[in-house]
């Protein structure tokens, strides 16, 4: 996987949003002060190599060191772990880097910002694919639906089960919601 610009819109959804064939996802948000880039690898100060980013490592290092809105996460889904790094949102998009890793997140221990959710994919009438997330941990009475776009002004057919748009409200980002798990003990 390589770096790309992620452009998406995010919405609150009602209980009647689609929920066919949900996939279980756990995301752990890493403490940026414990990370650094060394010879193309994202390294944790205690646990060593997390993931190899190769040629993208210089750009990732800049994001981690200079972007106050940066996040680094591990996503476990369908038996695989993906390490991701994202920068701040600019004009509706943010730079995202992802790579598969064999790093075992269970070794992290301690209090961690964690999201556990199920995700359903649903195709709208306009052909766009929506990701509909229902949260398990932290336990939230919340359904978020995201649709990835080629540019922020792209037309989107809004489904009838959408309540309101929250694209520019950082309260509804997974990294912010994961912080709620810290008050509930964190851990995986």
C-alpha atoms as a PDB file:
ATOM      1  CA  UNK A   1       0.000   0.000   0.000  1.00  0.00           C
ATOM      2  CA  UNK A   2       1.153   3.528  -0.605  1.00  0.00           C
ATOM      3  CA  UNK A   3       0.287   7.039   0.476  1.00  0.00           C
ATOM      4  CA  UNK A   4      -2.751   8.710  -1.025  1.00  0.00           C
ATOM      5  CA  UNK A   5      -5.140  11.576  -0.391  1.00  0.00           C
ATOM      6  CA  UNK A   6      -8.210  10.372   1.483  1.00  0.00           C
ATOM      7  CA  UNK A   7     -11.248  12.529   0.725  1.00  0.00           C
ATOM      8  CA  UNK A   8     -14.417  11.568   2.533  1.00  0.00           C
ATOM      9  CA  UNK A   9     -17.625  12.896   3.991  1.00  0.00           C
ATOM     10  CA  UNK A  10     -18.905  11.627   7.332  1.00  0.00           C
ATOM     11  CA  UNK A  11     -22.509  11.465   8.551  1.00  0.00           C
ATOM     12  CA  UNK A  12     -24.492  10.416  11.594  1.00  0.00           C
ATOM     13  CA  UNK A  13     -26.924   7.645  10.682  1.00  0.00           C
ATOM     14  CA  UNK A  14     -30.123   6.160  12.084  1.00  0.00           C
ATOM     15  CA  UNK A  15     -30.584   2.601  13.364  1.00  0.00           C
ATOM     16  CA  UNK A  16     -32.162   1.589  10.061  1.00  0.00           C
ATOM     17  CA  UNK A  17     -28.882   2.130   8.176  1.00  0.00           C
ATOM     18  CA  UNK A  18     -27.776  -1.028   6.300  1.00  0.00           C
ATOM     19  CA  UNK A  19     -26.052  -3.719   8.352  1.00  0.00           C
ATOM     20  CA  UNK A  20     -25.474  -6.628   5.948  1.00  0.00           C
ATOM     21  CA  UNK A  21     -22.437  -8.854   6.448  1.00  0.00           C
ATOM     22  CA  UNK A  22     -20.690  -6.689   9.077  1.00  0.00           C
ATOM     23  CA  UNK A  23     -16.951  -7.110   9.580  1.00  0.00           C
ATOM     24  CA  UNK A  24     -15.382  -6.743  13.035  1.00  0.00           C
ATOM     25  CA  UNK A  25     -12.628  -4.097  13.292  1.00  0.00           C
ATOM     26  CA  UNK A  26     -10.368  -3.099  16.191  1.00  0.00           C
ATOM     27  CA  UNK A  27      -8.259   0.064  15.880  1.00  0.00           C
ATOM     28  CA  UNK A  28      -5.541   1.066  18.342  1.00  0.00           C
ATOM     29  CA  UNK A  29      -4.296   4.648  18.247  1.00  0.00           C
ATOM     30  CA  UNK A  30      -0.599   4.935  19.034  1.00  0.00           C
ATOM     31  CA  UNK A  31       0.991   7.607  21.186  1.00  0.00           C
ATOM     32  CA  UNK A  32       2.993   9.727  18.726  1.00  0.00           C
ATOM     33  CA  UNK A  33       5.593  10.631  21.372  1.00  0.00           C
ATOM     34  CA  UNK A  34       6.562   6.928  21.474  1.00  0.00           C
ATOM     35  CA  UNK A  35       7.144   6.681  17.703  1.00  0.00           C
ATOM     36  CA  UNK A  36       9.931   7.541  15.302  1.00  0.00           C
ATOM     37  CA  UNK A  37      11.037   6.633  11.792  1.00  0.00           C
ATOM     38  CA  UNK A  38      14.319   4.722  11.527  1.00  0.00           C
ATOM     39  CA  UNK A  39      15.659   3.535   8.150  1.00  0.00           C
ATOM     40  CA  UNK A  40      12.188   3.302   6.600  1.00  0.00           C
ATOM     41  CA  UNK A  41      10.513   1.661   9.603  1.00  0.00           C
ATOM     42  CA  UNK A  42       7.988   3.098  12.046  1.00  0.00           C
ATOM     43  CA  UNK A  43       9.494   2.235  15.416  1.00  0.00           C
ATOM     44  CA  UNK A  44       7.958   2.185  18.888  1.00  0.00           C
ATOM     45  CA  UNK A  45      10.403   3.292  21.609  1.00  0.00           C
ATOM     46  CA  UNK A  46       9.734   0.157  23.703  1.00  0.00           C
ATOM     47  CA  UNK A  47       8.406  -2.463  21.284  1.00  0.00           C
ATOM     48  CA  UNK A  48      10.642  -1.859  18.267  1.00  0.00           C
ATOM     49  CA  UNK A  49       9.613  -2.095  14.619  1.00  0.00           C
ATOM     50  CA  UNK A  50       5.913  -1.689  13.943  1.00  0.00           C
ATOM     51  CA  UNK A  51       5.796  -1.387  10.150  1.00  0.00           C
ATOM     52  CA  UNK A  52       7.945  -0.732   7.111  1.00  0.00           C
ATOM     53  CA  UNK A  53       7.015   2.345   5.062  1.00  0.00           C
ATOM     54  CA  UNK A  54      10.103   2.467   2.821  1.00  0.00           C
ATOM     55  CA  UNK A  55      10.146   5.350   0.337  1.00  0.00           C
ATOM     56  CA  UNK A  56       7.237   7.090   2.111  1.00  0.00           C
ATOM     57  CA  UNK A  57       9.073   7.187   5.443  1.00  0.00           C
ATOM     58  CA  UNK A  58      10.463  10.746   5.029  1.00  0.00           C
ATOM     59  CA  UNK A  59       7.001  12.153   4.358  1.00  0.00           C
ATOM     60  CA  UNK A  60       5.576  10.149   7.268  1.00  0.00           C
ATOM     61  CA  UNK A  61       8.341  11.415   9.543  1.00  0.00           C
ATOM     62  CA  UNK A  62       7.427  15.004   8.621  1.00  0.00           C
ATOM     63  CA  UNK A  63       3.755  14.331   9.402  1.00  0.00           C
ATOM     64  CA  UNK A  64       4.564  12.684  12.743  1.00  0.00           C
ATOM     65  CA  UNK A  65       6.994  15.413  13.812  1.00  0.00           C
ATOM     66  CA  UNK A  66       5.311  18.571  12.526  1.00  0.00           C
ATOM     67  CA  UNK A  67       1.576  17.910  12.180  1.00  0.00           C
ATOM     68  CA  UNK A  68      -0.284  18.452  15.446  1.00  0.00           C
ATOM     69  CA  UNK A  69      -3.303  16.633  13.934  1.00  0.00           C
ATOM     70  CA  UNK A  70      -1.372  13.509  12.914  1.00  0.00           C
ATOM     71  CA  UNK A  71      -2.526  10.066  13.996  1.00  0.00           C
ATOM     72  CA  UNK A  72      -0.913   6.641  13.841  1.00  0.00           C
ATOM     73  CA  UNK A  73      -3.019   3.530  14.270  1.00  0.00           C
ATOM     74  CA  UNK A  74      -3.092  -0.226  13.982  1.00  0.00           C
ATOM     75  CA  UNK A  75      -6.243  -1.707  12.426  1.00  0.00           C
ATOM     76  CA  UNK A  76      -7.007  -5.394  12.970  1.00  0.00           C
ATOM     77  CA  UNK A  77      -9.561  -6.778  10.540  1.00  0.00           C
ATOM     78  CA  UNK A  78     -10.188 -10.245   9.111  1.00  0.00           C
ATOM     79  CA  UNK A  79      -6.952 -11.679  10.525  1.00  0.00           C
ATOM     80  CA  UNK A  80      -4.699  -8.909   9.208  1.00  0.00           C
ATOM     81  CA  UNK A  81      -3.101  -5.861  10.795  1.00  0.00           C
ATOM     82  CA  UNK A  82      -2.630  -2.616   8.899  1.00  0.00           C
ATOM     83  CA  UNK A  83      -0.528   0.245  10.219  1.00  0.00           C
ATOM     84  CA  UNK A  84      -1.763   3.670   9.140  1.00  0.00           C
ATOM     85  CA  UNK A  85      -0.537   7.235   9.505  1.00  0.00           C
ATOM     86  CA  UNK A  86      -2.716  10.228   8.630  1.00  0.00           C
ATOM     87  CA  UNK A  87      -2.057  13.950   8.503  1.00  0.00           C
ATOM     88  CA  UNK A  88      -4.414  16.859   9.115  1.00  0.00           C
ATOM     89  CA  UNK A  89      -7.395  17.570   6.889  1.00  0.00           C
ATOM     90  CA  UNK A  90      -6.773  20.128   4.138  1.00  0.00           C
ATOM     91  CA  UNK A  91      -9.616  21.156   1.820  1.00  0.00           C
ATOM     92  CA  UNK A  92     -11.642  18.087   2.746  1.00  0.00           C
ATOM     93  CA  UNK A  93      -8.796  15.582   2.317  1.00  0.00           C
ATOM     94  CA  UNK A  94      -5.943  14.217   4.343  1.00  0.00           C
ATOM     95  CA  UNK A  95      -2.774  12.381   3.401  1.00  0.00           C
ATOM     96  CA  UNK A  96      -2.929   8.741   4.461  1.00  0.00           C
ATOM     97  CA  UNK A  97      -0.265   6.039   4.422  1.00  0.00           C
ATOM     98  CA  UNK A  98      -1.050   2.395   5.093  1.00  0.00           C
ATOM     99  CA  UNK A  99       0.932  -0.818   5.068  1.00  0.00           C
ATOM    100  CA  UNK A 100       0.356  -4.378   6.258  1.00  0.00           C
ATOM    101  CA  UNK A 101       2.372  -5.426   9.290  1.00  0.00           C
ATOM    102  CA  UNK A 102       3.085  -8.557  11.313  1.00  0.00           C
ATOM    103  CA  UNK A 103       3.467  -6.499  14.510  1.00  0.00           C
ATOM    104  CA  UNK A 104       1.451  -8.012  17.380  1.00  0.00           C
ATOM    105  CA  UNK A 105      -0.611  -5.198  18.962  1.00  0.00           C
ATOM    106  CA  UNK A 106      -1.268  -7.271  22.095  1.00  0.00           C
ATOM    107  CA  UNK A 107       2.301  -6.573  23.242  1.00  0.00           C
ATOM    108  CA  UNK A 108       1.474  -2.861  23.667  1.00  0.00           C
ATOM    109  CA  UNK A 109      -0.462  -3.366  26.930  1.00  0.00           C
ATOM    110  CA  UNK A 110      -1.318  -0.491  29.241  1.00  0.00           C
ATOM    111  CA  UNK A 111      -3.972   2.120  28.581  1.00  0.00           C
ATOM    112  CA  UNK A 112      -4.626   2.483  24.890  1.00  0.00           C
ATOM    113  CA  UNK A 113      -7.053   4.538  22.845  1.00  0.00           C
ATOM    114  CA  UNK A 114      -9.097   1.790  21.182  1.00  0.00           C
ATOM    115  CA  UNK A 115     -12.086   1.613  18.860  1.00  0.00           C
ATOM    116  CA  UNK A 116     -13.905  -1.653  18.360  1.00  0.00           C
ATOM    117  CA  UNK A 117     -16.693  -1.618  15.802  1.00  0.00           C
ATOM    118  CA  UNK A 118     -18.496  -3.488  13.082  1.00  0.00           C
ATOM    119  CA  UNK A 119     -18.465  -2.188   9.532  1.00  0.00           C
ATOM    120  CA  UNK A 120     -20.949  -2.798   6.768  1.00  0.00           C
ATOM    121  CA  UNK A 121     -20.316  -1.758   3.157  1.00  0.00           C
ATOM    122  CA  UNK A 122     -23.280  -0.451   1.191  1.00  0.00           C
ATOM    123  CA  UNK A 123     -23.445   0.794  -2.404  1.00  0.00           C
ATOM    124  CA  UNK A 124     -25.557   3.885  -3.009  1.00  0.00           C
ATOM    125  CA  UNK A 125     -27.655   4.541  -6.097  1.00  0.00           C
ATOM    126  CA  UNK A 126     -24.832   6.738  -7.424  1.00  0.00           C
ATOM    127  CA  UNK A 127     -22.356   3.830  -7.242  1.00  0.00           C
ATOM    128  CA  UNK A 128     -20.447   5.220  -4.252  1.00  0.00           C
ATOM    129  CA  UNK A 129     -19.516   2.775  -1.492  1.00  0.00           C
ATOM    130  CA  UNK A 130     -20.505   3.744   2.047  1.00  0.00           C
ATOM    131  CA  UNK A 131     -18.780   2.400   5.194  1.00  0.00           C
ATOM    132  CA  UNK A 132     -21.326   2.155   8.019  1.00  0.00           C
ATOM    133  CA  UNK A 133     -19.781   1.736  11.482  1.00  0.00           C
ATOM    134  CA  UNK A 134     -21.513   0.637  14.694  1.00  0.00           C
ATOM    135  CA  UNK A 135     -19.392   1.028  17.847  1.00  0.00           C
ATOM    136  CA  UNK A 136     -18.805  -1.709  20.405  1.00  0.00           C
ATOM    137  CA  UNK A 137     -16.007  -0.016  22.380  1.00  0.00           C
ATOM    138  CA  UNK A 138     -16.313   2.538  23.590  1.00  0.00           C
ATOM    139  CA  UNK A 139     -19.958   1.637  23.877  1.00  0.00           C
ATOM    140  CA  UNK A 140     -21.683   4.452  22.019  1.00  0.00           C
ATOM    141  CA  UNK A 141     -25.220   4.928  20.821  1.00  0.00           C
ATOM    142  CA  UNK A 142     -23.771   6.072  17.528  1.00  0.00           C
ATOM    143  CA  UNK A 143     -23.724   4.975  13.904  1.00  0.00           C
ATOM    144  CA  UNK A 144     -21.326   6.749  11.544  1.00  0.00           C
ATOM    145  CA  UNK A 145     -21.464   6.460   7.769  1.00  0.00           C
ATOM    146  CA  UNK A 146     -18.578   7.586   5.583  1.00  0.00           C
ATOM    147  CA  UNK A 147     -18.311   7.836   1.837  1.00  0.00           C
ATOM    148  CA  UNK A 148     -14.945   8.212   0.091  1.00  0.00           C
ATOM    149  CA  UNK A 149     -14.813  10.635  -2.820  1.00  0.00           C
ATOM    150  CA  UNK A 150     -12.402  11.685  -5.540  1.00  0.00           C
ATOM    151  CA  UNK A 151     -12.826  15.357  -4.470  1.00  0.00           C
ATOM    152  CA  UNK A 152     -14.807  17.097  -1.708  1.00  0.00           C
ATOM    153  CA  UNK A 153     -17.268  18.764  -4.111  1.00  0.00           C
ATOM    154  CA  UNK A 154     -18.229  15.434  -5.714  1.00  0.00           C
ATOM    155  CA  UNK A 155     -22.008  14.948  -5.828  1.00  0.00           C
ATOM    156  CA  UNK A 156     -23.355  12.382  -3.371  1.00  0.00           C
ATOM    157  CA  UNK A 157     -26.841  10.889  -3.182  1.00  0.00           C
ATOM    158  CA  UNK A 158     -27.570  11.133   0.555  1.00  0.00           C
ATOM    159  CA  UNK A 159     -29.465   8.023   1.746  1.00  0.00           C
ATOM    160  CA  UNK A 160     -32.716   8.482   3.706  1.00  0.00           C
ATOM    161  CA  UNK A 161     -31.188   6.933   6.859  1.00  0.00           C
ATOM    162  CA  UNK A 162     -28.635   9.775   7.211  1.00  0.00           C
ATOM    163  CA  UNK A 163     -29.333  12.214  10.063  1.00  0.00           C
ATOM    164  CA  UNK A 164     -26.736  14.954   9.584  1.00  0.00           C
ATOM    165  CA  UNK A 165     -23.278  15.609   8.178  1.00  0.00           C
ATOM    166  CA  UNK A 166     -20.361  15.736  10.640  1.00  0.00           C
ATOM    167  CA  UNK A 167     -17.450  15.821   8.175  1.00  0.00           C
ATOM    168  CA  UNK A 168     -15.814  18.874   9.739  1.00  0.00           C
ATOM    169  CA  UNK A 169     -16.612  18.020  13.373  1.00  0.00           C
ATOM    170  CA  UNK A 170     -13.497  16.334  14.793  1.00  0.00           C
ATOM    171  CA  UNK A 171     -15.591  14.974  17.686  1.00  0.00           C
ATOM    172  CA  UNK A 172     -16.737  12.249  15.298  1.00  0.00           C
ATOM    173  CA  UNK A 173     -13.331  11.077  14.073  1.00  0.00           C
ATOM    174  CA  UNK A 174     -12.335   7.573  15.146  1.00  0.00           C
ATOM    175  CA  UNK A 175      -9.176   8.898  16.788  1.00  0.00           C
ATOM    176  CA  UNK A 176     -11.252  11.215  19.022  1.00  0.00           C
ATOM    177  CA  UNK A 177     -13.857   8.549  19.786  1.00  0.00           C
ATOM    178  CA  UNK A 178     -11.038   6.141  20.726  1.00  0.00           C
ATOM    179  CA  UNK A 179      -9.931   8.532  23.478  1.00  0.00           C
ATOM    180  CA  UNK A 180     -13.229   7.785  25.224  1.00  0.00           C
ATOM    181  CA  UNK A 181     -11.990   4.227  25.769  1.00  0.00           C
ATOM    182  CA  UNK A 182      -9.180   5.571  27.962  1.00  0.00           C
ATOM    183  CA  UNK A 183     -11.697   6.640  30.609  1.00  0.00           C
ATOM    184  CA  UNK A 184     -13.134   3.099  30.466  1.00  0.00           C
ATOM    185  CA  UNK A 185      -9.759   1.401  31.002  1.00  0.00           C
ATOM    186  CA  UNK A 186      -8.448   1.127  27.415  1.00  0.00           C
ATOM    187  CA  UNK A 187      -6.501  -2.050  26.726  1.00  0.00           C
ATOM    188  CA  UNK A 188      -7.217  -4.687  24.110  1.00  0.00           C
END
